[in-house]
Amino acid sequence: MPNSLPTLLALDFDGVLCDGRREYFQSAWRAYGQIWTDAETLPPPQLEQPFYRLRPVVETGWEMPLLLRAMLLEYPEADLLENWSTIALELLATERLTQSLLQAALDGQRDAWMKTDLAEWLHLHRFYPDTIARLQAAIADGVSVVIITTKESRFVAQLLQEAGITQLPQIFGREQQRPKRDILRELQPVGESAIWFVEDRLKTLQNVQQQPDLAQVELFLADWGYNTPAERTLAQQDDRIHLISLEQFSQPFSSWR
């Protein structure tokens, strides 16, 4: 019998709590200009909306400047949506780049931006409606809340503090260098307790689903996040994954399933 309430609520950050697409685009372009030095100072305006549409293919930050490279090399958008993981590896090889170099460029540009104009950097992020209130309500209800994200923990902490969260939840960020399934395994309580995990990447949820020892974790796909209509359809057809809307997320836990 599924638990009626979570004991521990595990949340992804980008695409669940926070919409950072404007910041991704601008920071990725700054990193792009550091690597491809012939780039213009300002990104071509026609890139922005396609980049937003392609955001679901990005798993980790280093991919974002590389995605811009692929777009400027005129890879068809449909190919990038379907085959990004393969294209990304091919581009790393042909451009003679590494994941660590791209990530360092992105993090360095973010750090520099935050130091010179933190208010501008923060302004490019927005929390989805009612997500901060829902986070605070869960904590007030005595539910343990953790954030598991591929974003650097320091960035997440800064954004939550600016949003008015005074008691930060535990944050497992990119520096953990561990799959989310391993963190969930570490957090998994005993007895009748339950983890509910809200994520916007279907592949991540499917990865957790394949772990026999995580069979009791309740899985939720955030339909407002960085996923595609095809992925949402697959989630609806899955007996274990709950497709949840932003309206449901803002409601009591009893409305989530």
Protein backbone atom coordinates (compact mmCIF):
# COMPACT_ATOMS: atom_id res chain seq x y z
CA MET A 1 0.00 0.00 0.00
CA PRO A 2 1.64 3.31 -1.02
CA ASN A 3 2.35 5.78 1.74
CA SER A 4 -0.19 8.60 1.88
CA LEU A 5 2.48 11.17 2.77
CA PRO A 6 6.20 11.40 2.17
CA THR A 7 8.63 11.31 5.04
CA LEU A 8 11.30 12.75 2.78
CA LEU A 9 10.61 14.92 -0.26
CA ALA A 10 13.45 14.93 -2.79
CA LEU A 11 13.28 17.69 -5.39
CA ASP A 12 15.24 18.48 -8.49
CA PHE A 13 15.99 22.20 -8.75
CA ASP A 14 16.17 23.37 -12.38
CA GLY A 15 12.91 22.56 -14.10
CA VAL A 16 11.07 21.75 -10.87
CA LEU A 17 11.55 24.70 -8.54
CA CYS A 18 13.37 27.18 -10.74
CA ASP A 19 13.16 28.20 -14.39
CA GLY A 20 16.66 29.33 -15.26
CA ARG A 21 16.49 29.21 -19.04
CA ARG A 22 17.30 32.89 -19.51
CA GLU A 23 20.37 32.54 -17.30
CA TYR A 24 21.41 29.32 -19.05
CA PHE A 25 21.28 31.01 -22.41
CA GLN A 26 23.22 34.10 -21.37
CA SER A 27 25.84 32.23 -19.32
CA ALA A 28 26.24 29.61 -22.04
CA TRP A 29 26.85 32.37 -24.58
CA ARG A 30 29.52 33.95 -22.37
CA ALA A 31 31.22 30.57 -22.04
CA TYR A 32 30.87 30.07 -25.78
CA GLY A 33 32.70 33.34 -26.41
CA GLN A 34 35.51 32.24 -24.11
CA ILE A 35 36.03 29.03 -26.08
CA TRP A 36 35.18 30.20 -29.59
CA THR A 37 36.82 33.60 -29.48
CA ASP A 38 35.43 34.78 -32.83
CA ALA A 39 31.92 34.90 -31.34
CA GLU A 40 30.03 38.17 -31.12
CA THR A 41 29.61 39.78 -27.71
CA LEU A 42 25.84 39.46 -27.86
CA PRO A 43 24.20 36.19 -28.91
CA PRO A 44 22.27 36.13 -32.19
CA PRO A 45 18.64 36.82 -31.20
CA GLN A 46 17.35 33.96 -33.34
CA LEU A 47 19.11 31.44 -31.06
CA GLU A 48 17.22 32.15 -27.87
CA GLN A 49 13.83 30.53 -28.45
CA PRO A 50 15.26 27.38 -30.12
CA PHE A 51 17.68 27.07 -27.19
CA TYR A 52 14.73 27.15 -24.79
CA ARG A 53 13.00 24.43 -26.79
CA LEU A 54 16.15 22.32 -26.79
CA ARG A 55 16.81 22.72 -23.07
CA PRO A 56 15.33 19.27 -22.30
CA VAL A 57 18.29 17.56 -24.01
CA VAL A 58 20.81 19.10 -21.58
CA GLU A 59 21.69 16.97 -18.56
CA THR A 60 24.73 18.87 -17.24
CA GLY A 61 25.93 22.45 -17.63
CA TRP A 62 28.93 21.71 -19.87
CA GLU A 63 26.55 20.72 -22.65
CA MET A 64 25.01 24.19 -22.97
CA PRO A 65 27.82 26.03 -24.81
CA LEU A 66 28.29 22.92 -26.92
CA LEU A 67 24.58 22.97 -27.79
CA LEU A 68 24.98 26.56 -28.96
CA ARG A 69 27.87 25.40 -31.15
CA ALA A 70 25.68 22.72 -32.70
CA MET A 71 22.93 25.25 -33.35
CA LEU A 72 25.33 27.66 -35.02
CA LEU A 73 26.66 24.78 -37.11
CA GLU A 74 23.04 24.40 -38.25
CA TYR A 75 22.28 20.95 -36.92
CA PRO A 76 18.52 20.48 -37.44
CA GLU A 77 16.51 21.01 -34.27
CA ALA A 78 14.78 17.65 -34.70
CA ASP A 79 18.16 15.87 -34.84
CA LEU A 80 19.32 17.64 -31.69
CA LEU A 81 16.14 16.62 -29.87
CA GLU A 82 16.48 12.99 -30.93
CA ASN A 83 20.24 12.42 -30.94
CA TRP A 84 21.86 15.03 -28.72
CA SER A 85 23.92 12.61 -26.61
CA THR A 86 25.57 11.19 -29.73
CA ILE A 87 26.02 14.59 -31.37
CA ALA A 88 27.55 16.02 -28.19
CA LEU A 89 30.23 13.31 -28.06
CA GLU A 90 30.99 13.81 -31.75
CA LEU A 91 31.35 17.57 -31.26
CA LEU A 92 33.64 17.11 -28.26
CA ALA A 93 35.94 15.09 -30.49
CA THR A 94 35.81 17.28 -33.59
CA GLU A 95 36.20 20.53 -31.61
CA ARG A 96 38.95 18.97 -29.44
CA LEU A 97 37.20 19.84 -26.22
CA THR A 98 36.54 18.11 -22.90
CA GLN A 99 33.58 18.17 -20.58
CA SER A 100 35.73 19.60 -17.79
CA LEU A 101 36.97 22.47 -19.97
CA LEU A 102 33.43 23.42 -20.98
CA GLN A 103 32.18 23.16 -17.39
CA ALA A 104 35.05 25.28 -16.10
CA ALA A 105 34.29 27.95 -18.70
CA LEU A 106 30.61 28.00 -17.74
CA ASP A 107 31.27 28.08 -13.99
CA GLY A 108 33.95 30.73 -14.42
CA GLN A 109 31.63 32.98 -16.38
CA ARG A 110 28.90 32.54 -13.79
CA ASP A 111 31.29 33.31 -10.94
CA ALA A 112 32.55 36.45 -12.67
CA TRP A 113 29.02 37.60 -13.42
CA MET A 114 27.88 37.05 -9.84
CA LYS A 115 30.84 39.00 -8.51
CA THR A 116 30.33 41.97 -10.82
CA ASP A 117 26.52 42.14 -10.90
CA LEU A 118 24.79 39.63 -8.65
CA ALA A 119 21.42 41.36 -8.95
CA GLU A 120 21.48 41.03 -12.75
CA TRP A 121 22.42 37.36 -12.57
CA LEU A 122 19.69 36.58 -10.05
CA HIS A 123 17.12 38.50 -12.09
CA LEU A 124 17.53 36.04 -14.95
CA HIS A 125 16.07 33.25 -12.77
CA ARG A 126 12.50 32.87 -11.73
CA PHE A 127 10.89 30.35 -9.45
CA TYR A 128 7.84 28.67 -10.88
CA PRO A 129 4.59 29.99 -9.33
CA ASP A 130 3.94 28.74 -5.78
CA THR A 131 6.99 26.45 -5.65
CA ILE A 132 8.70 28.39 -2.86
CA ALA A 133 5.48 28.44 -0.86
CA ARG A 134 5.10 24.69 -1.41
CA LEU A 135 8.68 24.10 -0.27
CA GLN A 136 8.06 26.12 2.90
CA ALA A 137 4.76 24.32 3.55
CA ALA A 138 6.41 20.91 3.29
CA ILE A 139 9.07 21.93 5.78
CA ALA A 140 6.39 23.35 8.11
CA ASP A 141 4.52 20.02 7.90
CA GLY A 142 7.58 18.23 9.26
CA VAL A 143 8.59 16.64 5.97
CA SER A 144 12.34 16.41 5.43
CA VAL A 145 13.19 18.18 2.17
CA VAL A 146 16.35 17.67 0.13
CA ILE A 147 17.35 19.05 -3.25
CA ILE A 148 19.21 16.78 -5.67
CA THR A 149 20.51 18.67 -8.66
CA THR A 150 23.21 18.82 -11.29
CA LYS A 151 23.60 22.53 -10.51
CA GLU A 152 26.38 23.65 -8.16
CA SER A 153 25.08 23.71 -4.58
CA ARG A 154 26.40 27.23 -4.02
CA PHE A 155 24.26 28.57 -6.87
CA VAL A 156 21.18 26.81 -5.54
CA ALA A 157 21.76 28.12 -2.02
CA GLN A 158 22.20 31.68 -3.29
CA LEU A 159 18.96 31.57 -5.27
CA LEU A 160 16.95 30.03 -2.42
CA GLN A 161 18.23 32.62 0.04
CA GLU A 162 17.28 35.40 -2.35
CA ALA A 163 13.81 33.85 -2.61
CA GLY A 164 13.38 34.09 1.16
CA ILE A 165 14.28 30.58 2.29
CA THR A 166 16.03 31.17 5.63
CA GLN A 167 16.39 27.52 6.61
CA LEU A 168 18.00 25.89 3.60
CA PRO A 169 17.20 22.26 2.83
CA GLN A 170 20.05 19.85 2.39
CA ILE A 171 21.44 20.28 -1.12
CA PHE A 172 23.19 17.57 -3.13
CA GLY A 173 24.72 19.42 -6.06
CA ARG A 174 26.92 18.67 -9.04
CA GLU A 175 30.02 18.54 -6.88
CA GLN A 176 28.74 15.25 -5.45
CA GLN A 177 29.66 13.57 -8.74
CA ARG A 178 27.14 10.82 -8.06
CA PRO A 179 24.02 9.63 -9.89
CA LYS A 180 20.77 10.70 -8.29
CA ARG A 181 19.84 7.07 -7.70
CA ASP A 182 22.86 6.67 -5.40
CA ILE A 183 21.90 9.72 -3.38
CA LEU A 184 18.33 8.44 -3.06
CA ARG A 185 19.69 5.09 -1.94
CA GLU A 186 21.74 6.81 0.74
CA LEU A 187 18.73 8.81 1.90
CA GLN A 188 16.28 5.92 1.84
CA PRO A 189 14.72 5.52 5.27
CA VAL A 190 13.70 2.25 6.88
CA GLY A 191 10.36 0.83 7.94
CA GLU A 192 7.19 2.45 6.69
CA SER A 193 8.84 5.75 5.76
CA ALA A 194 8.76 6.95 2.18
CA ILE A 195 10.68 9.08 -0.28
CA TRP A 196 8.79 11.05 -2.92
CA PHE A 197 11.06 12.21 -5.73
CA VAL A 198 10.03 15.01 -8.11
CA GLU A 199 12.16 15.35 -11.24
CA ASP A 200 11.66 16.84 -14.69
CA ARG A 201 13.87 14.37 -16.59
CA LEU A 202 12.12 11.15 -17.53
CA LYS A 203 15.43 9.30 -18.01
CA THR A 204 16.42 10.05 -14.43
CA LEU A 205 13.15 8.63 -13.12
CA GLN A 206 13.49 5.56 -15.32
CA ASN A 207 16.99 5.05 -13.98
CA VAL A 208 15.65 5.06 -10.42
CA GLN A 209 12.82 2.78 -11.51
CA GLN A 210 15.34 0.15 -12.63
CA GLN A 211 16.86 -0.15 -9.14
CA PRO A 212 15.16 -2.99 -7.22
CA ASP A 213 16.18 -1.57 -3.84
CA LEU A 214 14.49 1.76 -4.67
CA ALA A 215 11.13 0.17 -5.48
CA GLN A 216 9.42 2.04 -2.64
CA VAL A 217 10.42 5.49 -3.90
CA GLU A 218 7.42 7.34 -5.35
CA LEU A 219 8.33 8.94 -8.68
CA PHE A 220 6.85 12.15 -10.09
CA LEU A 221 7.56 13.79 -13.46
CA ALA A 222 7.06 17.57 -13.35
CA ASP A 223 5.17 18.36 -16.54
CA TRP A 224 6.12 22.06 -16.37
CA GLY A 225 9.84 21.33 -16.50
CA TYR A 226 12.44 20.58 -19.15
CA ASN A 227 10.79 17.62 -20.84
CA THR A 228 9.07 16.98 -24.15
CA PRO A 229 5.46 16.05 -25.02
CA ALA A 230 6.67 12.58 -26.01
CA GLU A 231 8.28 12.08 -22.60
CA ARG A 232 5.15 13.22 -20.83
CA THR A 233 3.11 10.73 -22.84
CA LEU A 234 5.48 7.93 -21.85
CA ALA A 235 5.15 8.94 -18.19
CA GLN A 236 1.36 8.79 -18.43
CA GLN A 237 1.63 5.24 -19.74
CA ASP A 238 3.91 4.15 -16.90
CA ASP A 239 2.25 2.51 -13.92
CA ARG A 240 4.85 3.73 -11.46
CA ILE A 241 5.65 7.27 -12.62
CA HIS A 242 3.10 9.94 -11.74
CA LEU A 243 2.82 12.84 -14.18
CA ILE A 244 2.21 15.86 -11.98
CA SER A 245 1.16 19.37 -12.97
CA LEU A 246 2.32 22.58 -11.33
CA GLU A 247 -1.19 23.09 -9.99
CA GLN A 248 -1.10 19.67 -8.33
CA PHE A 249 2.38 20.31 -6.96
CA SER A 250 1.13 23.42 -5.15
CA GLN A 251 -1.67 21.42 -3.49
CA PRO A 252 -1.51 19.10 -0.45
CA PHE A 253 0.27 15.80 -1.00
CA SER A 254 -3.07 13.97 -1.16
CA SER A 255 -3.67 15.69 -4.56
CA TRP A 256 -0.43 14.47 -6.11
CA ARG A 257 -1.58 11.01 -7.21
